[in-house]
Amino acid sequence: MLFQMEASGVRADATIVLFWRSFEAAPEGREYSDAAVRGIETLAVVDAHITKASTHWRLERMARVDRNVLRLGTWELANRTDIPRAVILDEAVELAKAFGTEESSAFVNGVLNRIAEDLGRHDTTPPG
């Protein structure tokens, strides 16, 4: 949905409706994915974190897949404190491996690690 929203310039709500009408996807992920797309729609905050953390890469020069995986990971790090940092980074790296270039996973991992540090997201070891 993020890729489509960026490519078409269509707003989040219209993108969400089109996605669910056009694709078969697991319904149990709908609430989460819709919230993420709506949360990322206002790119200024998310993109500011990415720009700060990717010192030698301008956002517009990043591959579209990398940029949108970073947007999702950044939104999750900033807004989903119920999900451990390590899980967010691992899922983003897996998406980058699956849909990006050979270098995407390392790039995404490095940038999201910096963003997590900037946001004060640290993994904690469960007691016991």
C-alpha atoms as a PDB file:
ATOM      1  CA  MET A   1       0.000   0.000   0.000  1.00  0.00           C
ATOM      2  CA  LEU A   2       2.833   2.412   0.795  1.00  0.00           C
ATOM      3  CA  PHE A   3       4.449   1.741  -2.559  1.00  0.00           C
ATOM      4  CA  GLN A   4       1.123   2.374  -4.334  1.00  0.00           C
ATOM      5  CA  MET A   5       0.401   5.510  -2.320  1.00  0.00           C
ATOM      6  CA  GLU A   6       3.798   6.967  -3.191  1.00  0.00           C
ATOM      7  CA  ALA A   7       3.639   5.984  -6.867  1.00  0.00           C
ATOM      8  CA  SER A   8       0.120   7.273  -7.467  1.00  0.00           C
ATOM      9  CA  GLY A   9      -0.126  10.186  -5.052  1.00  0.00           C
ATOM     10  CA  VAL A  10      -3.462   8.816  -3.842  1.00  0.00           C
ATOM     11  CA  ARG A  11      -4.383   9.444  -0.214  1.00  0.00           C
ATOM     12  CA  ALA A  12      -4.211   6.690   2.377  1.00  0.00           C
ATOM     13  CA  ASP A  13      -7.941   5.990   2.660  1.00  0.00           C
ATOM     14  CA  ALA A  14      -8.364   5.587  -1.108  1.00  0.00           C
ATOM     15  CA  THR A  15      -5.255   3.392  -1.278  1.00  0.00           C
ATOM     16  CA  ILE A  16      -6.570   1.190   1.525  1.00  0.00           C
ATOM     17  CA  VAL A  17      -9.955   0.724  -0.158  1.00  0.00           C
ATOM     18  CA  LEU A  18      -8.323  -0.097  -3.496  1.00  0.00           C
ATOM     19  CA  PHE A  19      -5.894  -2.561  -1.904  1.00  0.00           C
ATOM     20  CA  TRP A  20      -8.527  -4.559  -0.042  1.00  0.00           C
ATOM     21  CA  ARG A  21     -10.790  -4.577  -3.105  1.00  0.00           C
ATOM     22  CA  SER A  22      -7.991  -5.719  -5.442  1.00  0.00           C
ATOM     23  CA  PHE A  23      -5.830  -8.149  -3.456  1.00  0.00           C
ATOM     24  CA  GLU A  24      -6.283 -11.229  -1.379  1.00  0.00           C
ATOM     25  CA  ALA A  25      -4.597 -10.690   1.971  1.00  0.00           C
ATOM     26  CA  ALA A  26      -4.937 -12.138   5.439  1.00  0.00           C
ATOM     27  CA  PRO A  27      -7.818 -10.268   7.090  1.00  0.00           C
ATOM     28  CA  GLU A  28      -6.223 -10.547  10.554  1.00  0.00           C
ATOM     29  CA  GLY A  29      -3.531  -8.082   9.422  1.00  0.00           C
ATOM     30  CA  ARG A  30      -5.969  -5.522   8.085  1.00  0.00           C
ATOM     31  CA  GLU A  31      -6.351  -3.350  11.181  1.00  0.00           C
ATOM     32  CA  TYR A  32      -2.582  -3.127  11.659  1.00  0.00           C
ATOM     33  CA  SER A  33      -1.749  -2.425   8.022  1.00  0.00           C
ATOM     34  CA  ASP A  34      -4.494   0.181   7.663  1.00  0.00           C
ATOM     35  CA  ALA A  35      -3.255   1.967  10.803  1.00  0.00           C
ATOM     36  CA  ALA A  36       0.320   1.929   9.502  1.00  0.00           C
ATOM     37  CA  VAL A  37      -0.644   3.360   6.115  1.00  0.00           C
ATOM     38  CA  ARG A  38      -2.728   6.093   7.726  1.00  0.00           C
ATOM     39  CA  GLY A  39       0.081   6.861  10.175  1.00  0.00           C
ATOM     40  CA  ILE A  40       2.685   7.116   7.449  1.00  0.00           C
ATOM     41  CA  GLU A  41       0.487   9.229   5.152  1.00  0.00           C
ATOM     42  CA  THR A  42       1.830  12.405   6.712  1.00  0.00           C
ATOM     43  CA  LEU A  43       5.405  11.755   5.686  1.00  0.00           C
ATOM     44  CA  ALA A  44       7.075  14.793   7.239  1.00  0.00           C
ATOM     45  CA  VAL A  45       7.753  13.269  10.667  1.00  0.00           C
ATOM     46  CA  VAL A  46       8.658   9.784   9.419  1.00  0.00           C
ATOM     47  CA  ASP A  47      10.850  11.109   6.616  1.00  0.00           C
ATOM     48  CA  ALA A  48      12.620  13.522   8.995  1.00  0.00           C
ATOM     49  CA  HIS A  49      13.766  10.564  11.110  1.00  0.00           C
ATOM     50  CA  ILE A  50      14.966   8.711   8.011  1.00  0.00           C
ATOM     51  CA  THR A  51      16.783  11.760   6.644  1.00  0.00           C
ATOM     52  CA  LYS A  52      18.564  12.342   9.950  1.00  0.00           C
ATOM     53  CA  ALA A  53      19.651   8.703  10.209  1.00  0.00           C
ATOM     54  CA  SER A  54      20.768   8.266   6.593  1.00  0.00           C
ATOM     55  CA  THR A  55      23.505  10.870   6.549  1.00  0.00           C
ATOM     56  CA  HIS A  56      24.908  10.077   3.106  1.00  0.00           C
ATOM     57  CA  TRP A  57      21.656   9.259   1.306  1.00  0.00           C
ATOM     58  CA  ARG A  58      18.985  11.712   0.292  1.00  0.00           C
ATOM     59  CA  LEU A  59      15.512  10.259   0.614  1.00  0.00           C
ATOM     60  CA  GLU A  60      14.680  10.816  -3.042  1.00  0.00           C
ATOM     61  CA  ARG A  61      17.801   8.878  -4.107  1.00  0.00           C
ATOM     62  CA  MET A  62      16.841   5.759  -2.159  1.00  0.00           C
ATOM     63  CA  ALA A  63      15.214   2.875  -3.972  1.00  0.00           C
ATOM     64  CA  ARG A  64      11.432   3.096  -3.605  1.00  0.00           C
ATOM     65  CA  VAL A  65      11.261  -0.279  -1.846  1.00  0.00           C
ATOM     66  CA  ASP A  66      13.986   0.705   0.646  1.00  0.00           C
ATOM     67  CA  ARG A  67      12.359   4.065   1.312  1.00  0.00           C
ATOM     68  CA  ASN A  68       8.974   2.512   2.045  1.00  0.00           C
ATOM     69  CA  VAL A  69      10.374  -0.308   4.177  1.00  0.00           C
ATOM     70  CA  LEU A  70      12.193   2.400   6.158  1.00  0.00           C
ATOM     71  CA  ARG A  71       8.960   4.370   6.489  1.00  0.00           C
ATOM     72  CA  LEU A  72       7.112   1.357   7.860  1.00  0.00           C
ATOM     73  CA  GLY A  73       9.922   0.469  10.264  1.00  0.00           C
ATOM     74  CA  THR A  74      10.253   4.066  11.429  1.00  0.00           C
ATOM     75  CA  TRP A  75       6.515   4.367  12.051  1.00  0.00           C
ATOM     76  CA  GLU A  76       6.577   1.123  14.016  1.00  0.00           C
ATOM     77  CA  LEU A  77       9.576   2.205  16.107  1.00  0.00           C
ATOM     78  CA  ALA A  78       7.924   5.538  16.904  1.00  0.00           C
ATOM     79  CA  ASN A  79       4.371   4.320  17.472  1.00  0.00           C
ATOM     80  CA  ARG A  80       4.320   0.646  18.362  1.00  0.00           C
ATOM     81  CA  THR A  81       6.172   0.367  21.643  1.00  0.00           C
ATOM     82  CA  ASP A  82       4.362  -2.936  22.221  1.00  0.00           C
ATOM     83  CA  ILE A  83       6.522  -4.504  19.490  1.00  0.00           C
ATOM     84  CA  PRO A  84      10.171  -5.109  20.444  1.00  0.00           C
ATOM     85  CA  ARG A  85      12.802  -3.189  18.510  1.00  0.00           C
ATOM     86  CA  ALA A  86      14.467  -6.437  17.410  1.00  0.00           C
ATOM     87  CA  VAL A  87      11.213  -7.715  15.877  1.00  0.00           C
ATOM     88  CA  ILE A  88      10.655  -4.478  13.953  1.00  0.00           C
ATOM     89  CA  LEU A  89      14.205  -4.488  12.596  1.00  0.00           C
ATOM     90  CA  ASP A  90      14.103  -8.181  11.719  1.00  0.00           C
ATOM     91  CA  GLU A  91      10.829  -7.845   9.814  1.00  0.00           C
ATOM     92  CA  ALA A  92      12.105  -4.775   7.937  1.00  0.00           C
ATOM     93  CA  VAL A  93      15.318  -6.572   6.979  1.00  0.00           C
ATOM     94  CA  GLU A  94      13.315  -9.566   5.737  1.00  0.00           C
ATOM     95  CA  LEU A  95      11.110  -7.279   3.606  1.00  0.00           C
ATOM     96  CA  ALA A  96      14.215  -5.595   2.196  1.00  0.00           C
ATOM     97  CA  LYS A  97      15.742  -9.000   1.364  1.00  0.00           C
ATOM     98  CA  ALA A  98      12.556 -10.173  -0.322  1.00  0.00           C
ATOM     99  CA  PHE A  99      11.752  -7.068  -2.350  1.00  0.00           C
ATOM    100  CA  GLY A 100      14.870  -4.881  -2.469  1.00  0.00           C
ATOM    101  CA  THR A 101      18.318  -5.124  -3.962  1.00  0.00           C
ATOM    102  CA  GLU A 102      21.268  -7.154  -2.718  1.00  0.00           C
ATOM    103  CA  GLU A 103      22.351  -4.200  -0.550  1.00  0.00           C
ATOM    104  CA  SER A 104      18.897  -3.263   0.740  1.00  0.00           C
ATOM    105  CA  SER A 105      18.831  -5.403   3.874  1.00  0.00           C
ATOM    106  CA  ALA A 106      22.107  -4.027   5.254  1.00  0.00           C
ATOM    107  CA  PHE A 107      21.087  -0.463   4.386  1.00  0.00           C
ATOM    108  CA  VAL A 108      17.653  -0.800   6.012  1.00  0.00           C
ATOM    109  CA  ASN A 109      19.156  -2.446   9.099  1.00  0.00           C
ATOM    110  CA  GLY A 110      21.742   0.310   9.555  1.00  0.00           C
ATOM    111  CA  VAL A 111      19.298   3.186   9.108  1.00  0.00           C
ATOM    112  CA  LEU A 112      16.626   1.664  11.357  1.00  0.00           C
ATOM    113  CA  ASN A 113      19.197   0.932  14.057  1.00  0.00           C
ATOM    114  CA  ARG A 114      20.140   4.633  14.081  1.00  0.00           C
ATOM    115  CA  ILE A 115      16.486   5.662  14.150  1.00  0.00           C
ATOM    116  CA  ALA A 116      15.801   3.267  17.039  1.00  0.00           C
ATOM    117  CA  GLU A 117      18.706   4.784  18.974  1.00  0.00           C
ATOM    118  CA  ASP A 118      17.495   8.327  18.212  1.00  0.00           C
ATOM    119  CA  LEU A 119      14.023   7.385  19.453  1.00  0.00           C
ATOM    120  CA  GLY A 120      15.421   5.742  22.584  1.00  0.00           C
ATOM    121  CA  ARG A 121      14.137   2.307  21.603  1.00  0.00           C
ATOM    122  CA  HIS A 122      16.239  -0.322  23.353  1.00  0.00           C
ATOM    123  CA  ASP A 123      15.503  -3.983  23.702  1.00  0.00           C
ATOM    124  CA  THR A 124      15.087  -5.084  27.246  1.00  0.00           C
ATOM    125  CA  THR A 125      15.715  -8.522  28.579  1.00  0.00           C
ATOM    126  CA  PRO A 126      12.647 -10.020  30.219  1.00  0.00           C
ATOM    127  CA  PRO A 127      13.031 -10.628  33.943  1.00  0.00           C
ATOM    128  CA  GLY A 128      13.769 -14.125  35.111  1.00  0.00           C
END
